[in-house]
Amino acid sequence: MEQKAVIILCDDLPIGLKANIAAVVGMSLGRYHPDLVGPEAQTGDGTKLPGITTVPVPILTSNEANLAEIFAAAHDAIDLAVPFGTAALTTRNYADYTAKLATLADRQQGIKGLLLLGPRKKVNRLIGQLPLLR
């Protein structure tokens, strides 16, 4: 079954935060699915480069309410859903993040970004016709 990965970012964030959130949740994709990172590659003149993702990862945009709805629907539908919420935006280290997150229910997270990975058809049903980040 063909897998699809997407990152969805909250449309009202500044571009710098959007880039940071995409990088953070992209690292989670590599951690939970290292099989999606290709092997070392080599340039024409012999320089060895680390592998990169073997699947496209489009970056889409949506509003915060829709991100929360997609995350709620994704729990049972797909393989991986990684939210990036206000707890991550308001803490400076992982220990503080996990402590703050432990005080919030899912609906209180204030999702600002979301990574999805799963069967193409299921992911497409969740994301509908969301626009690409521009």
N, C-alpha and C. Protein backbone atom coordinates (compact mmCIF):
# COMPACT_ATOMS: atom_id res chain seq x y z
N MET A 1 0.84 -1.17 0.00
CA MET A 1 0.00 0.00 0.00
C MET A 1 0.89 1.24 0.00
N GLU A 2 0.59 2.17 -0.87
CA GLU A 2 1.41 3.37 -1.01
C GLU A 2 1.18 4.34 0.15
N GLN A 3 2.27 4.76 0.78
CA GLN A 3 2.22 5.67 1.91
C GLN A 3 2.26 7.12 1.42
N LYS A 4 1.62 7.99 2.17
CA LYS A 4 1.68 9.43 1.89
C LYS A 4 2.01 10.16 3.17
N ALA A 5 2.92 11.10 3.07
CA ALA A 5 3.28 11.96 4.19
C ALA A 5 2.95 13.39 3.82
N VAL A 6 2.41 14.14 4.77
CA VAL A 6 2.15 15.57 4.58
C VAL A 6 2.42 16.29 5.89
N ILE A 7 2.77 17.55 5.76
CA ILE A 7 2.87 18.44 6.91
C ILE A 7 1.86 19.55 6.67
N ILE A 8 1.06 19.83 7.69
CA ILE A 8 0.06 20.89 7.60
C ILE A 8 0.41 21.93 8.67
N LEU A 9 0.49 23.18 8.25
CA LEU A 9 0.87 24.26 9.17
C LEU A 9 -0.26 25.27 9.31
N CYS A 10 -0.37 25.84 10.49
CA CYS A 10 -1.38 26.84 10.77
C CYS A 10 -1.11 28.07 9.91
N ASP A 11 -2.13 28.51 9.19
CA ASP A 11 -1.95 29.57 8.20
C ASP A 11 -1.67 30.95 8.77
N ASP A 12 -1.92 31.18 10.07
CA ASP A 12 -1.72 32.53 10.60
C ASP A 12 -0.39 32.72 11.33
N LEU A 13 0.52 31.76 11.20
CA LEU A 13 1.84 31.88 11.83
C LEU A 13 2.82 32.62 10.93
N PRO A 14 3.81 33.28 11.51
CA PRO A 14 4.87 33.88 10.69
C PRO A 14 5.69 32.79 9.99
N ILE A 15 6.27 33.12 8.87
CA ILE A 15 6.98 32.14 8.04
C ILE A 15 8.12 31.45 8.80
N GLY A 16 8.81 32.16 9.67
CA GLY A 16 9.89 31.55 10.44
C GLY A 16 9.40 30.43 11.35
N LEU A 17 8.28 30.63 12.02
CA LEU A 17 7.70 29.59 12.86
C LEU A 17 7.22 28.41 12.01
N LYS A 18 6.65 28.70 10.87
CA LYS A 18 6.20 27.62 9.98
C LYS A 18 7.38 26.74 9.58
N ALA A 19 8.49 27.37 9.21
CA ALA A 19 9.68 26.61 8.83
C ALA A 19 10.19 25.76 9.99
N ASN A 20 10.22 26.33 11.18
CA ASN A 20 10.69 25.61 12.36
C ASN A 20 9.79 24.42 12.67
N ILE A 21 8.49 24.62 12.63
CA ILE A 21 7.55 23.53 12.92
C ILE A 21 7.71 22.41 11.90
N ALA A 22 7.85 22.77 10.62
CA ALA A 22 8.04 21.75 9.59
C ALA A 22 9.30 20.93 9.85
N ALA A 23 10.37 21.59 10.25
CA ALA A 23 11.62 20.88 10.55
C ALA A 23 11.45 19.94 11.74
N VAL A 24 10.78 20.41 12.78
CA VAL A 24 10.62 19.61 13.99
C VAL A 24 9.78 18.36 13.72
N VAL A 25 8.62 18.52 13.09
CA VAL A 25 7.79 17.33 12.85
C VAL A 25 8.41 16.43 11.78
N GLY A 26 9.18 17.01 10.86
CA GLY A 26 9.90 16.20 9.87
C GLY A 26 10.91 15.28 10.53
N MET A 27 11.55 15.76 11.60
CA MET A 27 12.48 14.91 12.34
C MET A 27 11.74 13.73 12.97
N SER A 28 10.52 13.96 13.41
CA SER A 28 9.73 12.87 13.98
C SER A 28 9.44 11.81 12.93
N LEU A 29 9.17 12.23 11.71
CA LEU A 29 8.93 11.28 10.63
C LEU A 29 10.16 10.37 10.46
N GLY A 30 11.34 10.96 10.44
CA GLY A 30 12.56 10.17 10.31
C GLY A 30 12.79 9.23 11.49
N ARG A 31 12.40 9.66 12.67
CA ARG A 31 12.58 8.81 13.86
C ARG A 31 11.66 7.60 13.82
N TYR A 32 10.39 7.83 13.52
CA TYR A 32 9.41 6.75 13.58
C TYR A 32 9.37 5.90 12.31
N HIS A 33 9.90 6.44 11.23
CA HIS A 33 9.94 5.68 9.97
C HIS A 33 11.29 5.89 9.27
N PRO A 34 12.36 5.37 9.88
CA PRO A 34 13.68 5.55 9.27
C PRO A 34 13.80 4.89 7.90
N ASP A 35 12.88 3.97 7.61
CA ASP A 35 12.88 3.32 6.29
C ASP A 35 12.55 4.32 5.18
N LEU A 36 12.03 5.49 5.51
CA LEU A 36 11.70 6.50 4.51
C LEU A 36 12.89 7.40 4.16
N VAL A 37 14.02 7.19 4.84
CA VAL A 37 15.24 7.93 4.54
C VAL A 37 16.14 7.04 3.70
N GLY A 38 16.53 7.55 2.55
CA GLY A 38 17.34 6.77 1.62
C GLY A 38 18.78 6.61 2.10
N PRO A 39 19.50 5.72 1.46
CA PRO A 39 20.91 5.50 1.81
C PRO A 39 21.78 6.66 1.35
N GLU A 40 23.00 6.65 1.82
CA GLU A 40 23.99 7.63 1.39
C GLU A 40 24.03 7.70 -0.14
N ALA A 41 24.22 8.89 -0.67
CA ALA A 41 24.31 9.09 -2.12
C ALA A 41 25.66 9.74 -2.44
N GLN A 42 26.01 9.73 -3.71
CA GLN A 42 27.31 10.27 -4.10
C GLN A 42 27.14 11.21 -5.28
N THR A 43 27.85 12.35 -5.24
CA THR A 43 27.83 13.30 -6.36
C THR A 43 28.71 12.78 -7.49
N GLY A 44 28.63 13.43 -8.63
CA GLY A 44 29.43 13.02 -9.78
C GLY A 44 30.92 13.10 -9.54
N ASP A 45 31.34 13.96 -8.63
CA ASP A 45 32.78 14.08 -8.35
C ASP A 45 33.20 13.33 -7.09
N GLY A 46 32.32 12.47 -6.57
CA GLY A 46 32.69 11.57 -5.48
C GLY A 46 32.35 12.02 -4.07
N THR A 47 31.74 13.18 -3.89
CA THR A 47 31.37 13.62 -2.56
C THR A 47 30.19 12.80 -2.06
N LYS A 48 30.34 12.22 -0.86
CA LYS A 48 29.26 11.42 -0.29
C LYS A 48 28.34 12.32 0.51
N LEU A 49 27.05 12.13 0.30
CA LEU A 49 26.03 12.91 0.99
C LEU A 49 25.09 12.00 1.75
N PRO A 50 24.60 12.45 2.90
CA PRO A 50 23.64 11.65 3.65
C PRO A 50 22.36 11.46 2.83
N GLY A 51 21.64 10.38 3.11
CA GLY A 51 20.38 10.13 2.43
C GLY A 51 19.32 11.13 2.84
N ILE A 52 18.37 11.36 1.95
CA ILE A 52 17.23 12.22 2.23
C ILE A 52 15.96 11.39 2.09
N THR A 53 14.83 11.99 2.34
CA THR A 53 13.56 11.28 2.26
C THR A 53 13.34 10.67 0.87
N THR A 54 12.75 9.49 0.87
CA THR A 54 12.45 8.82 -0.39
C THR A 54 11.01 9.07 -0.83
N VAL A 55 10.25 9.79 -0.02
CA VAL A 55 8.86 10.12 -0.37
C VAL A 55 8.70 11.64 -0.35
N PRO A 56 7.85 12.16 -1.22
CA PRO A 56 7.57 13.60 -1.15
C PRO A 56 6.87 13.92 0.16
N VAL A 57 7.12 15.11 0.69
CA VAL A 57 6.44 15.56 1.90
C VAL A 57 5.91 16.97 1.61
N PRO A 58 4.74 17.06 0.97
CA PRO A 58 4.19 18.39 0.69
C PRO A 58 3.85 19.11 1.99
N ILE A 59 3.99 20.42 1.97
CA ILE A 59 3.64 21.24 3.12
C ILE A 59 2.40 22.04 2.75
N LEU A 60 1.35 21.79 3.52
CA LEU A 60 0.05 22.39 3.28
C LEU A 60 -0.26 23.40 4.38
N THR A 61 -1.35 24.11 4.21
CA THR A 61 -1.74 25.11 5.20
C THR A 61 -3.24 25.02 5.49
N SER A 62 -3.58 25.35 6.73
CA SER A 62 -4.97 25.32 7.15
C SER A 62 -5.12 26.19 8.39
N ASN A 63 -6.35 26.38 8.84
CA ASN A 63 -6.55 27.12 10.07
C ASN A 63 -6.45 26.18 11.28
N GLU A 64 -6.31 26.77 12.45
CA GLU A 64 -6.07 25.98 13.66
C GLU A 64 -7.24 25.05 14.00
N ALA A 65 -8.46 25.51 13.80
CA ALA A 65 -9.63 24.67 14.10
C ALA A 65 -9.63 23.43 13.21
N ASN A 66 -9.31 23.60 11.96
CA ASN A 66 -9.28 22.46 11.03
C ASN A 66 -8.14 21.51 11.38
N LEU A 67 -7.00 22.04 11.80
CA LEU A 67 -5.89 21.19 12.23
C LEU A 67 -6.32 20.29 13.39
N ALA A 68 -7.04 20.84 14.34
CA ALA A 68 -7.52 20.06 15.49
C ALA A 68 -8.49 18.97 15.02
N GLU A 69 -9.36 19.29 14.08
CA GLU A 69 -10.30 18.29 13.56
C GLU A 69 -9.57 17.17 12.83
N ILE A 70 -8.58 17.54 12.02
CA ILE A 70 -7.81 16.53 11.29
C ILE A 70 -7.06 15.62 12.26
N PHE A 71 -6.45 16.22 13.28
CA PHE A 71 -5.72 15.42 14.27
C PHE A 71 -6.65 14.45 14.98
N ALA A 72 -7.82 14.91 15.37
CA ALA A 72 -8.78 14.05 16.06
C ALA A 72 -9.21 12.89 15.17
N ALA A 73 -9.42 13.16 13.90
CA ALA A 73 -9.85 12.12 12.96
C ALA A 73 -8.71 11.17 12.60
N ALA A 74 -7.48 11.64 12.71
CA ALA A 74 -6.32 10.85 12.28
C ALA A 74 -5.98 9.72 13.24
N HIS A 75 -6.34 9.82 14.50
CA HIS A 75 -5.96 8.83 15.52
C HIS A 75 -6.20 7.39 15.06
N ASP A 76 -7.36 7.10 14.57
CA ASP A 76 -7.69 5.72 14.20
C ASP A 76 -7.52 5.43 12.72
N ALA A 77 -7.22 6.46 11.93
CA ALA A 77 -7.23 6.30 10.48
C ALA A 77 -5.87 6.04 9.85
N ILE A 78 -4.81 6.52 10.49
CA ILE A 78 -3.50 6.45 9.82
C ILE A 78 -2.41 5.95 10.76
N ASP A 79 -1.21 5.76 10.21
CA ASP A 79 -0.09 5.19 10.95
C ASP A 79 0.57 6.15 11.93
N LEU A 80 0.69 7.42 11.54
CA LEU A 80 1.43 8.38 12.37
C LEU A 80 0.80 9.75 12.24
N ALA A 81 0.52 10.38 13.37
CA ALA A 81 0.05 11.77 13.42
C ALA A 81 0.85 12.47 14.51
N VAL A 82 1.66 13.44 14.13
CA VAL A 82 2.51 14.16 15.08
C VAL A 82 2.05 15.61 15.15
N PRO A 83 1.41 16.00 16.26
CA PRO A 83 0.99 17.39 16.39
C PRO A 83 2.11 18.25 16.98
N PHE A 84 2.11 19.49 16.62
CA PHE A 84 3.00 20.49 17.21
C PHE A 84 2.08 21.57 17.75
N GLY A 85 2.00 21.65 19.09
CA GLY A 85 1.05 22.56 19.71
C GLY A 85 1.69 23.69 20.47
N THR A 86 0.84 24.41 21.18
CA THR A 86 1.30 25.57 21.93
C THR A 86 2.29 25.19 23.03
N ALA A 87 2.19 23.98 23.56
CA ALA A 87 3.16 23.55 24.58
C ALA A 87 4.58 23.59 24.01
N ALA A 88 4.72 23.19 22.77
CA ALA A 88 6.04 23.21 22.13
C ALA A 88 6.48 24.65 21.84
N LEU A 89 5.53 25.51 21.53
CA LEU A 89 5.88 26.90 21.22
C LEU A 89 6.26 27.70 22.46
N THR A 90 5.80 27.28 23.61
CA THR A 90 5.97 28.09 24.82
C THR A 90 6.97 27.52 25.81
N THR A 91 7.71 26.51 25.41
CA THR A 91 8.73 25.93 26.29
C THR A 91 10.08 25.94 25.59
N ARG A 92 11.15 25.84 26.37
CA ARG A 92 12.49 25.95 25.80
C ARG A 92 13.26 24.64 25.74
N ASN A 93 12.77 23.60 26.42
CA ASN A 93 13.47 22.32 26.36
C ASN A 93 12.45 21.18 26.45
N TYR A 94 12.93 19.98 26.16
CA TYR A 94 12.01 18.84 26.06
C TYR A 94 11.38 18.48 27.40
N ALA A 95 12.12 18.61 28.48
CA ALA A 95 11.56 18.30 29.80
C ALA A 95 10.40 19.24 30.13
N ASP A 96 10.59 20.54 29.87
CA ASP A 96 9.50 21.50 30.11
C ASP A 96 8.32 21.23 29.18
N TYR A 97 8.61 20.88 27.94
CA TYR A 97 7.54 20.56 26.98
C TYR A 97 6.70 19.39 27.46
N THR A 98 7.35 18.29 27.85
CA THR A 98 6.59 17.12 28.28
C THR A 98 5.81 17.39 29.57
N ALA A 99 6.39 18.19 30.46
CA ALA A 99 5.69 18.54 31.69
C ALA A 99 4.45 19.39 31.39
N LYS A 100 4.59 20.36 30.51
CA LYS A 100 3.44 21.21 30.15
C LYS A 100 2.39 20.40 29.40
N LEU A 101 2.84 19.57 28.48
CA LEU A 101 1.92 18.75 27.68
C LEU A 101 1.09 17.83 28.58
N ALA A 102 1.69 17.34 29.65
CA ALA A 102 1.00 16.43 30.57
C ALA A 102 -0.17 17.10 31.29
N THR A 103 -0.20 18.43 31.27
CA THR A 103 -1.30 19.15 31.93
C THR A 103 -2.44 19.48 30.98
N LEU A 104 -2.28 19.15 29.69
CA LEU A 104 -3.26 19.52 28.67
C LEU A 104 -3.98 18.31 28.11
N ALA A 105 -5.27 18.45 27.85
CA ALA A 105 -6.01 17.44 27.10
C ALA A 105 -5.75 17.68 25.61
N ASP A 106 -6.00 16.67 24.78
CA ASP A 106 -5.79 16.82 23.34
C ASP A 106 -6.43 18.09 22.80
N ARG A 107 -7.67 18.35 23.18
CA ARG A 107 -8.39 19.49 22.63
C ARG A 107 -7.83 20.83 23.11
N GLN A 108 -6.97 20.80 24.12
CA GLN A 108 -6.37 22.03 24.66
C GLN A 108 -5.00 22.33 24.05
N GLN A 109 -4.53 21.49 23.17
CA GLN A 109 -3.17 21.64 22.66
C GLN A 109 -2.96 22.89 21.82
N GLY A 110 -3.98 23.35 21.13
CA GLY A 110 -3.77 24.47 20.23
C GLY A 110 -2.82 24.09 19.12
N ILE A 111 -3.20 23.16 18.28
CA ILE A 111 -2.30 22.60 17.27
C ILE A 111 -1.94 23.66 16.22
N LYS A 112 -0.64 23.84 16.05
CA LYS A 112 -0.10 24.81 15.10
C LYS A 112 0.52 24.14 13.88
N GLY A 113 0.78 22.85 13.99
CA GLY A 113 1.35 22.08 12.89
C GLY A 113 1.06 20.62 13.09
N LEU A 114 1.05 19.87 12.00
CA LEU A 114 0.68 18.46 12.08
C LEU A 114 1.36 17.69 10.95
N LEU A 115 1.99 16.59 11.31
CA LEU A 115 2.56 15.66 10.34
C LEU A 115 1.65 14.44 10.28
N LEU A 116 1.32 14.01 9.08
CA LEU A 116 0.53 12.80 8.89
C LEU A 116 1.28 11.84 7.98
N LEU A 117 1.20 10.56 8.29
CA LEU A 117 1.74 9.50 7.43
C LEU A 117 0.77 8.34 7.49
N GLY A 118 0.40 7.86 6.33
CA GLY A 118 -0.50 6.72 6.27
C GLY A 118 -0.81 6.35 4.84
N PRO A 119 -1.71 5.40 4.67
CA PRO A 119 -2.11 5.03 3.31
C PRO A 119 -2.63 6.25 2.55
N ARG A 120 -2.20 6.37 1.31
CA ARG A 120 -2.50 7.55 0.49
C ARG A 120 -3.98 7.93 0.54
N LYS A 121 -4.86 6.97 0.31
CA LYS A 121 -6.29 7.28 0.26
C LYS A 121 -6.81 7.82 1.59
N LYS A 122 -6.34 7.25 2.69
CA LYS A 122 -6.79 7.70 4.01
C LYS A 122 -6.28 9.10 4.32
N VAL A 123 -5.02 9.36 4.00
CA VAL A 123 -4.47 10.70 4.22
C VAL A 123 -5.21 11.71 3.35
N ASN A 124 -5.45 11.36 2.09
CA ASN A 124 -6.16 12.28 1.20
C ASN A 124 -7.55 12.60 1.72
N ARG A 125 -8.23 11.62 2.30
CA ARG A 125 -9.56 11.88 2.89
C ARG A 125 -9.47 12.87 4.04
N LEU A 126 -8.40 12.80 4.80
CA LEU A 126 -8.24 13.70 5.94
C LEU A 126 -7.90 15.13 5.52
N ILE A 127 -7.08 15.25 4.49
CA ILE A 127 -6.60 16.60 4.14
C ILE A 127 -7.46 17.29 3.09
N GLY A 128 -8.33 16.55 2.41
CA GLY A 128 -9.21 17.16 1.42
C GLY A 128 -8.43 17.94 0.38
N GLN A 129 -8.82 19.15 0.17
CA GLN A 129 -8.19 20.01 -0.84
C GLN A 129 -7.40 21.16 -0.20
N LEU A 130 -6.69 20.86 0.87
CA LEU A 130 -5.91 21.92 1.52
C LEU A 130 -4.87 22.46 0.55
N PRO A 131 -4.65 23.78 0.58
CA PRO A 131 -3.67 24.36 -0.34
C PRO A 131 -2.23 24.14 0.12
N LEU A 132 -1.33 24.16 -0.85
CA LEU A 132 0.10 24.14 -0.56
C LEU A 132 0.49 25.44 0.13
N LEU A 133 1.47 25.36 1.01
CA LEU A 133 2.03 26.55 1.62
C LEU A 133 2.71 27.38 0.54
N ARG A 134 2.43 28.65 0.53
CA ARG A 134 3.05 29.55 -0.47
C ARG A 134 3.68 30.73 0.23
